[in-house]
Amino acid sequence: MQVLFERERRACDEVEALLRDAQELGEMDQAFAETLLFGVVEKEDALKDAIQMHAPGWSLDRMDPIARCVLFVGAYELLFLKEAPPPVIMNEAIEIAKEYGTAESGKFVNGVLNAIAQGMGGGLRTKD
């Protein structure tokens, strides 16, 4: 999420930023972070469409930048990666949004990801 946030804020090479931050990650975490980063970048248009469809009345530009990055990662995991159950993905995303976003980010992320998961047949309202 940090790399995506940095990518939004300024033009930067995603790989360069990831490698710089990867010193703090273990080997397995680094591989997973790379999977998420490259997956989000590759599927960016589809993710934008999914997020916009499930966040009526909100343009991507209007969203809190942290919440937007969390939504990209969470939506990618839900729609394309599918390595964890939807409630696990959603709870993790909500906690990150609550910790680093605005006061309302957790609720917003919960609503959007839950709508995406319901569209897949796997929605489950989580605590926020």
C-alpha atoms as a PDB file:
ATOM      1  CA  MET A   1       0.000   0.000   0.000  1.00  0.00           C
ATOM      2  CA  GLN A   2       2.871   2.361   0.797  1.00  0.00           C
ATOM      3  CA  VAL A   3       4.314   1.972  -2.686  1.00  0.00           C
ATOM      4  CA  LEU A   4       0.946   2.641  -4.328  1.00  0.00           C
ATOM      5  CA  PHE A   5       0.507   5.722  -2.142  1.00  0.00           C
ATOM      6  CA  GLU A   6       3.991   6.935  -3.077  1.00  0.00           C
ATOM      7  CA  ARG A   7       3.223   6.224  -6.744  1.00  0.00           C
ATOM      8  CA  GLU A   8       0.126   8.443  -6.512  1.00  0.00           C
ATOM      9  CA  ARG A   9       1.923  11.295  -4.797  1.00  0.00           C
ATOM     10  CA  ARG A  10       4.819  11.572  -7.197  1.00  0.00           C
ATOM     11  CA  ALA A  11       6.056   9.898 -10.302  1.00  0.00           C
ATOM     12  CA  CYS A  12       8.235   7.084  -9.076  1.00  0.00           C
ATOM     13  CA  ASP A  13       9.438   3.734 -10.286  1.00  0.00           C
ATOM     14  CA  GLU A  14       7.319   1.191  -8.399  1.00  0.00           C
ATOM     15  CA  VAL A  15      10.064  -1.421  -8.395  1.00  0.00           C
ATOM     16  CA  GLU A  16      12.592   1.053  -7.054  1.00  0.00           C
ATOM     17  CA  ALA A  17      10.267   2.095  -4.235  1.00  0.00           C
ATOM     18  CA  LEU A  18       9.388  -1.513  -3.434  1.00  0.00           C
ATOM     19  CA  LEU A  19      13.014  -2.579  -3.295  1.00  0.00           C
ATOM     20  CA  ARG A  20      13.830   0.363  -1.056  1.00  0.00           C
ATOM     21  CA  ASP A  21      11.031  -0.596   1.342  1.00  0.00           C
ATOM     22  CA  ALA A  22      11.676  -4.341   0.995  1.00  0.00           C
ATOM     23  CA  GLN A  23      14.671  -4.244   3.287  1.00  0.00           C
ATOM     24  CA  GLU A  24      12.148  -4.273   6.146  1.00  0.00           C
ATOM     25  CA  LEU A  25      10.200  -7.238   4.738  1.00  0.00           C
ATOM     26  CA  GLY A  26      10.992 -10.913   4.975  1.00  0.00           C
ATOM     27  CA  GLU A  27      11.475 -12.891   1.778  1.00  0.00           C
ATOM     28  CA  MET A  28       7.895 -14.233   1.746  1.00  0.00           C
ATOM     29  CA  ASP A  29       6.443 -10.819   2.551  1.00  0.00           C
ATOM     30  CA  GLN A  30       8.491  -9.234  -0.220  1.00  0.00           C
ATOM     31  CA  ALA A  31       7.212 -11.769  -2.757  1.00  0.00           C
ATOM     32  CA  PHE A  32       3.615 -11.124  -1.657  1.00  0.00           C
ATOM     33  CA  ALA A  33       4.147  -7.346  -1.779  1.00  0.00           C
ATOM     34  CA  GLU A  34       5.499  -7.668  -5.324  1.00  0.00           C
ATOM     35  CA  THR A  35       2.505  -9.804  -6.324  1.00  0.00           C
ATOM     36  CA  LEU A  36       0.124  -7.171  -4.958  1.00  0.00           C
ATOM     37  CA  LEU A  37       1.960  -4.219  -6.484  1.00  0.00           C
ATOM     38  CA  PHE A  38       2.379  -5.652  -9.960  1.00  0.00           C
ATOM     39  CA  GLY A  39      -1.141  -7.093  -9.882  1.00  0.00           C
ATOM     40  CA  VAL A  40      -2.705  -3.761  -8.949  1.00  0.00           C
ATOM     41  CA  VAL A  41      -0.720  -1.963 -11.639  1.00  0.00           C
ATOM     42  CA  GLU A  42      -1.626  -4.590 -14.264  1.00  0.00           C
ATOM     43  CA  LYS A  43      -5.340  -4.628 -13.361  1.00  0.00           C
ATOM     44  CA  GLU A  44      -5.617  -0.914 -12.525  1.00  0.00           C
ATOM     45  CA  ASP A  45      -8.367  -0.138 -15.049  1.00  0.00           C
ATOM     46  CA  ALA A  46     -10.536  -3.086 -13.963  1.00  0.00           C
ATOM     47  CA  LEU A  47      -9.994  -2.161 -10.305  1.00  0.00           C
ATOM     48  CA  LYS A  48     -10.960   1.462 -10.951  1.00  0.00           C
ATOM     49  CA  ASP A  49     -14.159   0.276 -12.626  1.00  0.00           C
ATOM     50  CA  ALA A  50     -15.013  -2.099  -9.766  1.00  0.00           C
ATOM     51  CA  ILE A  51     -14.363   0.516  -7.086  1.00  0.00           C
ATOM     52  CA  GLN A  52     -16.344   3.197  -8.946  1.00  0.00           C
ATOM     53  CA  MET A  53     -19.244   0.804  -9.495  1.00  0.00           C
ATOM     54  CA  HIS A  54     -19.425   0.002  -5.781  1.00  0.00           C
ATOM     55  CA  ALA A  55     -18.824   3.538  -4.494  1.00  0.00           C
ATOM     56  CA  PRO A  56     -21.718   5.470  -6.063  1.00  0.00           C
ATOM     57  CA  GLY A  57     -21.429   9.193  -5.655  1.00  0.00           C
ATOM     58  CA  TRP A  58     -17.683   9.023  -5.076  1.00  0.00           C
ATOM     59  CA  SER A  59     -15.112   9.717  -7.767  1.00  0.00           C
ATOM     60  CA  LEU A  60     -11.686   8.199  -7.228  1.00  0.00           C
ATOM     61  CA  ASP A  61     -10.239  11.712  -7.000  1.00  0.00           C
ATOM     62  CA  ARG A  62     -12.631  12.603  -4.190  1.00  0.00           C
ATOM     63  CA  MET A  63     -11.627   9.621  -2.033  1.00  0.00           C
ATOM     64  CA  ASP A  64      -9.066   9.884   0.732  1.00  0.00           C
ATOM     65  CA  PRO A  65      -5.750   8.808  -0.874  1.00  0.00           C
ATOM     66  CA  ILE A  66      -5.076   6.192   1.804  1.00  0.00           C
ATOM     67  CA  ALA A  67      -8.566   4.713   1.474  1.00  0.00           C
ATOM     68  CA  ARG A  68      -8.175   4.682  -2.311  1.00  0.00           C
ATOM     69  CA  CYS A  69      -4.887   2.749  -2.129  1.00  0.00           C
ATOM     70  CA  VAL A  70      -6.340   0.327   0.422  1.00  0.00           C
ATOM     71  CA  LEU A  71      -9.325  -0.206  -1.875  1.00  0.00           C
ATOM     72  CA  PHE A  72      -7.072  -0.975  -4.837  1.00  0.00           C
ATOM     73  CA  VAL A  73      -5.170  -3.612  -2.872  1.00  0.00           C
ATOM     74  CA  GLY A  74      -8.289  -5.069  -1.250  1.00  0.00           C
ATOM     75  CA  ALA A  75     -10.217  -5.179  -4.516  1.00  0.00           C
ATOM     76  CA  TYR A  76      -7.271  -6.835  -6.256  1.00  0.00           C
ATOM     77  CA  GLU A  77      -7.086  -9.498  -3.553  1.00  0.00           C
ATOM     78  CA  LEU A  78     -10.847 -10.106  -3.709  1.00  0.00           C
ATOM     79  CA  LEU A  79     -11.225 -10.153  -7.478  1.00  0.00           C
ATOM     80  CA  PHE A  80      -7.980 -11.593  -8.775  1.00  0.00           C
ATOM     81  CA  LEU A  81      -5.731 -13.063  -6.092  1.00  0.00           C
ATOM     82  CA  LYS A  82      -8.280 -14.985  -4.028  1.00  0.00           C
ATOM     83  CA  GLU A  83      -5.639 -16.422  -1.682  1.00  0.00           C
ATOM     84  CA  ALA A  84      -7.595 -15.568   1.467  1.00  0.00           C
ATOM     85  CA  PRO A  85     -11.296 -15.614   2.334  1.00  0.00           C
ATOM     86  CA  PRO A  86     -13.127 -12.320   1.668  1.00  0.00           C
ATOM     87  CA  PRO A  87     -13.721 -11.576   5.395  1.00  0.00           C
ATOM     88  CA  VAL A  88      -9.976 -11.849   6.091  1.00  0.00           C
ATOM     89  CA  ILE A  89      -9.095  -9.562   3.181  1.00  0.00           C
ATOM     90  CA  MET A  90     -11.762  -7.056   4.192  1.00  0.00           C
ATOM     91  CA  ASN A  91     -10.835  -6.990   7.893  1.00  0.00           C
ATOM     92  CA  GLU A  92      -7.177  -6.442   7.071  1.00  0.00           C
ATOM     93  CA  ALA A  93      -8.027  -3.601   4.675  1.00  0.00           C
ATOM     94  CA  ILE A  94     -10.386  -1.990   7.195  1.00  0.00           C
ATOM     95  CA  GLU A  95      -7.758  -2.060   9.947  1.00  0.00           C
ATOM     96  CA  ILE A  96      -5.152  -0.465   7.664  1.00  0.00           C
ATOM     97  CA  ALA A  97      -7.634   2.214   6.570  1.00  0.00           C
ATOM     98  CA  LYS A  98      -8.587   2.980  10.175  1.00  0.00           C
ATOM     99  CA  GLU A  99      -4.964   3.216  11.268  1.00  0.00           C
ATOM    100  CA  TYR A 100      -3.619   5.344   8.414  1.00  0.00           C
ATOM    101  CA  GLY A 101      -6.645   7.032   6.836  1.00  0.00           C
ATOM    102  CA  THR A 102      -9.238   9.517   8.022  1.00  0.00           C
ATOM    103  CA  ALA A 103     -11.769   8.907  10.789  1.00  0.00           C
ATOM    104  CA  GLU A 104     -14.263   7.590   8.225  1.00  0.00           C
ATOM    105  CA  SER A 105     -11.855   5.549   6.085  1.00  0.00           C
ATOM    106  CA  GLY A 106     -12.532   2.236   7.823  1.00  0.00           C
ATOM    107  CA  LYS A 107     -16.290   2.480   7.307  1.00  0.00           C
ATOM    108  CA  PHE A 108     -15.862   3.599   3.710  1.00  0.00           C
ATOM    109  CA  VAL A 109     -13.453   0.774   2.857  1.00  0.00           C
ATOM    110  CA  ASN A 110     -15.771  -1.691   4.598  1.00  0.00           C
ATOM    111  CA  GLY A 111     -18.753  -0.576   2.529  1.00  0.00           C
ATOM    112  CA  VAL A 112     -16.988  -0.641  -0.821  1.00  0.00           C
ATOM    113  CA  LEU A 113     -15.154  -3.935  -0.323  1.00  0.00           C
ATOM    114  CA  ASN A 114     -18.281  -5.562   1.100  1.00  0.00           C
ATOM    115  CA  ALA A 115     -20.214  -4.482  -2.003  1.00  0.00           C
ATOM    116  CA  ILE A 116     -17.481  -5.901  -4.246  1.00  0.00           C
ATOM    117  CA  ALA A 117     -17.449  -9.159  -2.281  1.00  0.00           C
ATOM    118  CA  GLN A 118     -21.253  -9.397  -2.414  1.00  0.00           C
ATOM    119  CA  GLY A 119     -21.051  -8.979  -6.166  1.00  0.00           C
ATOM    120  CA  MET A 120     -18.777 -12.032  -6.167  1.00  0.00           C
ATOM    121  CA  GLY A 121     -21.139 -13.940  -3.899  1.00  0.00           C
ATOM    122  CA  GLY A 122     -18.781 -13.724  -0.917  1.00  0.00           C
ATOM    123  CA  GLY A 123     -19.822 -10.597   0.927  1.00  0.00           C
ATOM    124  CA  LEU A 124     -19.857 -10.539   4.675  1.00  0.00           C
ATOM    125  CA  ARG A 125     -20.354  -7.419   6.720  1.00  0.00           C
ATOM    126  CA  THR A 126     -17.319  -6.946   8.949  1.00  0.00           C
ATOM    127  CA  LYS A 127     -16.809  -4.980  12.114  1.00  0.00           C
ATOM    128  CA  ASP A 128     -15.459  -1.473  11.593  1.00  0.00           C
END
